[in-house]
């Protein structure tokens, strides 16, 4: 009986992992399509309206590493994406 329960838990875990991977792929696809639409319509997505207010406060207090971490937490961005977003924000302010 315990073996069956363990197998079911493992299968459930694998299913959740598969769904998460699929969802991440779909989200990346949507983001790339959105970026194309923004670019074709001459809309810049690098403005401060896309940087969470907590991140802006951290940057104003000179805490760039904290700002990158907060940006990642709020947006789900990778480390490289977060660094680029923060550097772009700093360059435009």
Protein backbone atom coordinates (compact mmCIF):
# COMPACT_ATOMS: atom_id res chain seq x y z
CA UNK A 1 0.00 0.00 0.00
CA UNK A 2 2.81 2.41 0.88
CA UNK A 3 4.57 1.66 -2.39
CA UNK A 4 1.44 2.61 -4.32
CA UNK A 5 1.18 5.87 -2.41
CA UNK A 6 4.84 6.68 -3.12
CA UNK A 7 4.36 5.93 -6.83
CA UNK A 8 1.26 8.15 -6.94
CA UNK A 9 3.09 10.99 -5.20
CA UNK A 10 6.01 10.72 -7.64
CA UNK A 11 3.66 10.64 -10.62
CA UNK A 12 1.82 13.67 -9.27
CA UNK A 13 5.08 15.50 -8.79
CA UNK A 14 6.19 14.69 -12.34
CA UNK A 15 2.84 15.89 -13.69
CA UNK A 16 3.14 19.20 -11.83
CA UNK A 17 6.70 19.63 -13.09
CA UNK A 18 5.55 18.98 -16.65
CA UNK A 19 2.72 21.51 -16.35
CA UNK A 20 5.07 24.10 -14.88
CA UNK A 21 7.51 23.65 -17.73
CA UNK A 22 4.71 23.95 -20.26
CA UNK A 23 3.38 27.08 -18.58
CA UNK A 24 6.82 28.69 -18.53
CA UNK A 25 7.23 27.98 -22.26
CA UNK A 26 3.82 29.46 -23.03
CA UNK A 27 4.59 32.55 -20.96
CA UNK A 28 7.89 33.10 -22.82
CA UNK A 29 6.02 32.75 -26.11
CA UNK A 30 3.43 35.33 -25.02
CA UNK A 31 6.17 37.70 -23.85
CA UNK A 32 7.98 37.48 -27.18
CA UNK A 33 4.75 38.15 -29.09
CA UNK A 34 3.97 41.10 -26.84
CA UNK A 35 7.45 42.51 -27.39
CA UNK A 36 6.98 42.28 -31.16
CA UNK A 37 3.61 44.07 -30.92
CA UNK A 38 5.07 46.81 -28.72
CA UNK A 39 8.03 47.28 -31.05
CA UNK A 40 5.89 47.40 -34.21
CA UNK A 41 3.69 50.04 -32.62
CA UNK A 42 6.62 52.16 -31.46
CA UNK A 43 5.96 51.60 -27.77
CA UNK A 44 8.94 51.41 -25.45
CA UNK A 45 8.67 48.89 -22.63
CA UNK A 46 11.70 50.26 -20.79
CA UNK A 47 9.92 52.97 -18.83
CA UNK A 48 9.70 53.17 -15.07
CA UNK A 49 6.08 52.01 -15.20
CA UNK A 50 7.46 48.48 -15.75
CA UNK A 51 9.76 48.64 -12.72
CA UNK A 52 7.98 47.85 -9.44
CA UNK A 53 7.95 50.69 -6.93
CA UNK A 54 9.89 48.66 -4.33
CA UNK A 55 12.67 48.22 -6.88
CA UNK A 56 12.71 51.95 -7.58
CA UNK A 57 13.02 52.69 -3.84
CA UNK A 58 15.91 50.24 -3.49
CA UNK A 59 17.71 51.93 -6.37
CA UNK A 60 17.10 55.39 -4.92
CA UNK A 61 18.76 54.13 -1.71
CA UNK A 62 21.77 52.83 -3.67
CA UNK A 63 20.93 49.15 -3.18
CA UNK A 64 21.34 47.77 -6.69
CA UNK A 65 21.73 44.11 -5.70
CA UNK A 66 18.60 44.29 -3.56
CA UNK A 67 16.80 45.96 -6.47
CA UNK A 68 17.79 43.12 -8.80
CA UNK A 69 16.57 40.53 -6.28
CA UNK A 70 13.28 42.38 -5.79
CA UNK A 71 12.82 42.73 -9.54
CA UNK A 72 13.28 38.97 -9.94
CA UNK A 73 10.78 38.25 -7.16
CA UNK A 74 8.16 40.59 -8.64
CA UNK A 75 8.55 39.63 -12.28
CA UNK A 76 9.94 36.10 -12.33
CA UNK A 77 12.81 37.32 -14.53
CA UNK A 78 16.11 35.48 -14.74
CA UNK A 79 19.19 37.04 -13.18
CA UNK A 80 20.42 38.28 -16.56
CA UNK A 81 17.00 39.73 -17.48
CA UNK A 82 16.76 41.47 -14.12
CA UNK A 83 20.24 42.96 -14.41
CA UNK A 84 19.46 44.24 -17.89
CA UNK A 85 16.14 45.73 -16.76
CA UNK A 86 17.78 47.47 -13.80
CA UNK A 87 20.63 48.79 -15.93
CA UNK A 88 18.16 50.02 -18.56
CA UNK A 89 16.10 51.71 -15.86
CA UNK A 90 19.17 53.41 -14.40
CA UNK A 91 20.28 54.56 -17.85
CA UNK A 92 16.85 56.12 -18.52
CA UNK A 93 16.46 57.92 -15.19
